Amino acid sequence: MDKKVILCVDDDEIILKCLLVQLRSHFGTKFEYELSTSPFEAFEIIEELTNSGSEIVAIISDWLMPDMNGDKFLIEVHKKHPDIIKIMLTGNAGDTIIEKIKEEANLTACFFKPWDKNKLFQTLEGTISQL
């Protein structure tokens, strides 16, 4: 059976580690978890995982990152992988940007930092179960 992966993308390593701890404590070994500190690295991870037969079920991405913001990243991901669940974490994105990502990348949800981990888990559980 192919492994199912949740990919977390944020330029802040503390946020990534926090997400990893929360996801592992809730989902355990149901998923594998990949972390990336940049969208460009995340594109490489997506390609490697896809080529190895792994299924990326969800991407949790920050919005404000150097080099490429999360909206552009998620829109690019959506063009090649429309079935991946896309969730954004942000402390900065406004309604216009969030609406744009919903329209152009089929954004599932947007959570403002600090996020409510239970709402994040409920969103992931609800959308992943529909796959």
Protein backbone atom coordinates (compact mmCIF):
# COMPACT_ATOMS: atom_id res chain seq x y z
CA MET A 1 0.00 0.00 0.00
CA ASP A 2 1.27 3.44 -0.89
CA LYS A 3 2.10 5.73 1.97
CA LYS A 4 -0.14 8.72 2.62
CA VAL A 5 1.69 11.95 3.38
CA ILE A 6 0.89 15.33 4.92
CA LEU A 7 3.33 18.02 3.79
CA CYS A 8 3.87 21.12 5.96
CA VAL A 9 5.51 24.21 4.44
CA ASP A 10 6.60 27.19 6.54
CA ASP A 11 9.79 29.25 6.61
CA ASP A 12 9.66 29.19 10.44
CA GLU A 13 11.15 25.92 11.67
CA ILE A 14 9.50 26.34 15.09
CA ILE A 15 6.07 26.38 13.41
CA LEU A 16 6.99 23.27 11.42
CA LYS A 17 8.13 21.39 14.53
CA CYS A 18 4.98 22.43 16.40
CA LEU A 19 2.78 21.22 13.52
CA LEU A 20 4.69 17.94 13.36
CA VAL A 21 4.25 17.30 17.10
CA GLN A 22 0.53 18.12 16.92
CA LEU A 23 -0.10 15.98 13.83
CA ARG A 24 1.86 13.01 15.18
CA SER A 25 0.14 13.19 18.56
CA HIS A 26 -3.28 13.20 16.89
CA PHE A 27 -2.85 10.96 13.83
CA GLY A 28 0.11 8.85 14.95
CA THR A 29 1.40 6.61 12.17
CA LYS A 30 -1.73 6.89 10.00
CA PHE A 31 0.27 9.31 7.84
CA GLU A 32 3.87 10.13 7.11
CA TYR A 33 4.89 13.74 7.53
CA GLU A 34 7.21 15.83 5.41
CA LEU A 35 8.46 19.30 6.35
CA SER A 36 9.78 22.04 4.12
CA THR A 37 11.06 25.52 4.90
CA SER A 38 10.49 26.82 1.36
CA PRO A 39 8.00 26.38 -1.46
CA PHE A 40 10.84 25.51 -3.87
CA GLU A 41 12.00 22.68 -1.63
CA ALA A 42 8.36 21.62 -1.25
CA PHE A 43 7.99 21.34 -5.05
CA GLU A 44 10.98 18.94 -5.04
CA ILE A 45 9.47 16.91 -2.19
CA ILE A 46 6.12 16.72 -4.02
CA GLU A 47 7.84 15.48 -7.17
CA GLU A 48 9.92 12.89 -5.28
CA LEU A 49 6.91 11.59 -3.35
CA THR A 50 4.71 11.45 -6.44
CA ASN A 51 7.41 9.61 -8.41
CA SER A 52 7.86 7.09 -5.59
CA GLY A 53 4.13 6.27 -5.57
CA SER A 54 3.32 8.06 -2.33
CA GLU A 55 0.02 9.92 -2.04
CA ILE A 56 0.17 13.46 -0.70
CA VAL A 57 -3.24 13.84 0.92
CA ALA A 58 -2.77 17.36 2.34
CA ILE A 59 -0.49 20.37 2.29
CA ILE A 60 -0.51 22.81 5.18
CA SER A 61 1.26 25.97 4.06
CA ASP A 62 2.16 29.32 5.52
CA TRP A 63 1.23 32.36 3.45
CA LEU A 64 4.04 34.88 4.08
CA MET A 65 7.35 33.30 3.07
CA PRO A 66 10.49 34.65 1.40
CA ASP A 67 10.89 34.06 -2.35
CA MET A 68 7.29 32.84 -2.89
CA ASN A 69 4.11 33.43 -0.91
CA GLY A 70 1.79 30.59 -0.04
CA ASP A 71 -0.92 31.73 -2.46
CA LYS A 72 1.37 31.34 -5.48
CA PHE A 73 2.73 28.07 -4.09
CA LEU A 74 -0.71 26.52 -3.52
CA ILE A 75 -2.01 27.70 -6.91
CA GLU A 76 0.99 26.07 -8.63
CA VAL A 77 0.46 22.86 -6.66
CA HIS A 78 -3.22 22.86 -7.59
CA LYS A 79 -2.43 23.06 -11.33
CA LYS A 80 -0.55 19.73 -11.19
CA HIS A 81 -2.24 18.08 -8.19
CA PRO A 82 -5.85 19.29 -7.90
CA ASP A 83 -6.84 16.46 -5.53
CA ILE A 84 -4.43 17.42 -2.73
CA ILE A 85 -6.17 19.08 0.21
CA LYS A 86 -4.75 22.57 0.67
CA ILE A 87 -4.82 24.36 4.04
CA MET A 88 -3.20 27.69 4.76
CA LEU A 89 -1.87 29.01 8.06
CA THR A 90 -1.33 32.73 8.24
CA GLY A 91 -0.85 35.67 10.49
CA ASN A 92 -0.98 38.14 7.62
CA ALA A 93 -3.19 37.22 4.67
CA GLY A 94 -6.28 39.32 4.14
CA ASP A 95 -9.71 38.30 2.86
CA THR A 96 -8.89 39.17 -0.77
CA ILE A 97 -5.88 36.85 -0.82
CA ILE A 98 -7.77 34.05 0.94
CA GLU A 99 -10.65 34.33 -1.58
CA LYS A 100 -8.16 34.25 -4.45
CA ILE A 101 -6.63 31.01 -3.13
CA LYS A 102 -10.07 29.48 -2.61
CA GLU A 103 -10.94 30.23 -6.22
CA GLU A 104 -7.62 29.41 -7.90
CA ALA A 105 -6.31 26.57 -5.70
CA ASN A 106 -9.48 25.12 -4.17
CA LEU A 107 -8.27 26.06 -0.68
CA THR A 108 -10.00 23.85 1.89
CA ALA A 109 -9.44 26.09 4.91
CA CYS A 110 -7.43 28.98 6.26
CA PHE A 111 -6.41 29.21 9.91
CA PHE A 112 -4.91 32.24 11.55
CA LYS A 113 -1.85 31.83 13.75
CA PRO A 114 -1.99 30.73 16.48
CA TRP A 115 -4.31 28.09 15.05
CA ASP A 116 -6.80 25.94 16.91
CA LYS A 117 -5.32 22.45 16.55
CA ASN A 118 -8.69 20.75 17.13
CA LYS A 119 -10.26 22.69 14.25
CA LEU A 120 -7.26 21.81 12.09
CA PHE A 121 -7.65 18.11 12.95
CA GLN A 122 -11.41 18.20 12.30
CA THR A 123 -10.82 19.81 8.90
CA LEU A 124 -8.18 17.24 7.95
CA GLU A 125 -10.27 14.32 9.16
CA GLY A 126 -13.39 15.55 7.36
CA THR A 127 -11.69 16.20 4.04
CA ILE A 128 -9.32 13.23 4.01
CA SER A 129 -12.19 10.84 4.71
CA GLN A 130 -13.82 12.03 1.49
CA LEU A 131 -10.81 10.94 -0.61
